[in-house]
Amino acid sequence: MVGARDSLFDELLDLERAGWDSLCKATGAEFYGELMLPDAVMVLANGMVMDRDTVVGALSASPPWRTYEISDARLIAVDDDNAVLVYTGTGYRDGDEPAFVGAMSSVYHRADGRWKLALYQQTRMPD
């Protein structure tokens, strides 16, 4: 079972990195529009709770991230079709804007053989 767990961890971490890559390429709206379940939400550090359509609209108008780092990632495998990836994410934009560092959780549900995002939550880490 350890091999399956490692494989799941790698698969979801790759998916999470693909999401960050899309945010750096300004293609996040398309990526998350496809990745999120129809009733999925994102809970942001500023307290906003955004449904899929709102996320797509916001990402369409957002400047891209310059780069990012994912650290301290861990997996909570709930069952065969549900899992949570928890990690520290650091995002950097251009210019003098300080990095955003947050504790992040992505809840994934497997539907029709593909992992879909059910819930994403971020909490800003203290400086």
Protein backbone atom coordinates (compact mmCIF):
# COMPACT_ATOMS: atom_id res chain seq x y z
CA MET A 1 0.00 0.00 0.00
CA VAL A 2 2.97 2.31 0.56
CA GLY A 3 3.74 2.27 -3.18
CA ALA A 4 0.16 3.23 -4.03
CA ARG A 5 0.26 6.01 -1.45
CA ASP A 6 3.56 7.32 -2.88
CA SER A 7 2.10 7.19 -6.37
CA LEU A 8 -0.99 9.12 -5.25
CA PHE A 9 1.18 11.69 -3.48
CA ASP A 10 3.26 12.19 -6.64
CA GLU A 11 0.16 12.40 -8.85
CA LEU A 12 -1.55 15.04 -6.72
CA LEU A 13 1.66 17.00 -6.17
CA ASP A 14 2.19 17.06 -9.95
CA LEU A 15 -1.38 18.30 -10.36
CA GLU A 16 -0.80 21.01 -7.75
CA ARG A 17 2.40 22.09 -9.52
CA ALA A 18 0.53 22.18 -12.83
CA GLY A 19 -1.94 24.58 -11.21
CA TRP A 20 0.85 26.86 -9.98
CA ASP A 21 2.52 26.64 -13.41
CA SER A 22 -0.74 27.80 -14.99
CA LEU A 23 -0.86 30.74 -12.58
CA CYS A 24 2.66 31.71 -13.67
CA LYS A 25 1.68 31.46 -17.37
CA ALA A 26 -1.58 33.43 -16.94
CA THR A 27 -3.59 30.34 -17.97
CA GLY A 28 -5.02 29.68 -14.51
CA ALA A 29 -8.60 30.51 -15.52
CA GLU A 30 -8.64 27.72 -18.10
CA PHE A 31 -6.77 25.27 -15.86
CA TYR A 32 -8.93 25.74 -12.77
CA GLY A 33 -12.13 25.98 -14.81
CA GLU A 34 -11.41 22.43 -15.94
CA LEU A 35 -9.91 21.12 -12.68
CA MET A 36 -12.59 22.30 -10.25
CA LEU A 37 -15.78 20.34 -9.66
CA PRO A 38 -18.91 22.34 -10.59
CA ASP A 39 -19.70 22.98 -6.91
CA ALA A 40 -16.08 23.41 -5.75
CA VAL A 41 -14.96 26.46 -3.81
CA MET A 42 -11.74 28.23 -2.96
CA VAL A 43 -11.38 29.78 0.50
CA LEU A 44 -8.75 32.51 0.31
CA ALA A 45 -6.53 34.06 2.96
CA ASN A 46 -8.52 37.31 2.81
CA GLY A 47 -11.70 35.47 3.83
CA MET A 48 -13.30 35.31 0.39
CA VAL A 49 -15.11 32.12 -0.58
CA MET A 50 -15.23 31.80 -4.36
CA ASP A 51 -17.17 29.31 -6.47
CA ARG A 52 -15.76 27.95 -9.73
CA ASP A 53 -17.21 30.67 -11.96
CA THR A 54 -15.92 33.41 -9.66
CA VAL A 55 -12.46 31.80 -9.56
CA VAL A 56 -12.34 31.64 -13.36
CA GLY A 57 -13.35 35.30 -13.65
CA ALA A 58 -10.87 36.44 -11.03
CA LEU A 59 -7.99 34.48 -12.55
CA SER A 60 -8.78 35.90 -15.99
CA ALA A 61 -8.08 39.38 -14.60
CA SER A 62 -5.18 38.52 -12.26
CA PRO A 63 -1.53 39.22 -13.04
CA PRO A 64 0.60 36.08 -13.25
CA TRP A 65 2.90 34.87 -10.52
CA ARG A 66 6.60 35.06 -11.40
CA THR A 67 7.48 31.80 -9.65
CA TYR A 68 6.51 29.63 -6.68
CA GLU A 69 7.77 27.05 -4.21
CA ILE A 70 5.97 24.11 -2.62
CA SER A 71 7.41 22.73 0.61
CA ASP A 72 6.46 20.43 3.47
CA ALA A 73 3.85 18.66 1.33
CA ARG A 74 1.95 15.78 2.84
CA LEU A 75 -0.95 13.62 1.79
CA ILE A 76 -4.06 12.60 3.67
CA ALA A 77 -5.62 9.71 1.74
CA VAL A 78 -9.25 9.61 2.88
CA ASP A 79 -10.26 6.69 0.65
CA ASP A 80 -9.69 5.51 -2.92
CA ASP A 81 -11.47 8.52 -4.44
CA ASN A 82 -10.78 11.34 -1.98
CA ALA A 83 -7.51 12.83 -0.78
CA VAL A 84 -6.08 16.03 0.64
CA LEU A 85 -2.73 17.59 -0.20
CA VAL A 86 -1.45 19.97 2.50
CA TYR A 87 1.65 22.09 1.97
CA THR A 88 3.33 25.44 2.42
CA GLY A 89 3.10 27.47 -0.76
CA THR A 90 5.17 30.55 -1.54
CA GLY A 91 4.25 32.71 -4.52
CA TYR A 92 6.34 35.52 -5.95
CA ARG A 93 5.08 38.28 -8.23
CA ASP A 94 7.20 40.76 -10.16
CA GLY A 95 8.49 43.94 -8.61
CA ASP A 96 8.83 44.76 -4.96
CA GLU A 97 5.66 42.98 -3.87
CA PRO A 98 6.48 40.68 -0.93
CA ALA A 99 6.09 36.94 -1.38
CA PHE A 100 2.80 35.36 -0.35
CA VAL A 101 3.46 32.47 2.03
CA GLY A 102 0.54 30.33 3.10
CA ALA A 103 -0.54 27.00 4.50
CA MET A 104 -2.54 25.45 1.68
CA SER A 105 -4.92 22.52 1.45
CA SER A 106 -6.36 21.04 -1.72
CA VAL A 107 -9.13 18.47 -1.40
CA TYR A 108 -9.37 16.22 -4.44
CA HIS A 109 -12.16 13.87 -5.52
CA ARG A 110 -11.71 11.30 -8.27
CA ALA A 111 -14.60 11.48 -10.77
CA ASP A 112 -14.69 9.44 -13.98
CA GLY A 113 -11.09 8.37 -13.40
CA ARG A 114 -9.74 11.93 -13.11
CA TRP A 115 -8.82 13.94 -10.03
CA LYS A 116 -10.93 17.06 -9.60
CA LEU A 117 -10.52 19.87 -7.09
CA ALA A 118 -13.39 19.98 -4.57
CA LEU A 119 -11.97 22.54 -2.12
CA TYR A 120 -8.88 24.72 -1.94
CA GLN A 121 -8.09 26.65 1.24
CA GLN A 122 -5.21 28.96 2.11
CA THR A 123 -4.13 30.63 5.34
CA ARG A 124 -1.46 33.32 5.29
CA MET A 125 1.58 32.40 7.35
CA PRO A 126 2.79 35.07 9.79
CA ASP A 127 5.92 36.99 8.77
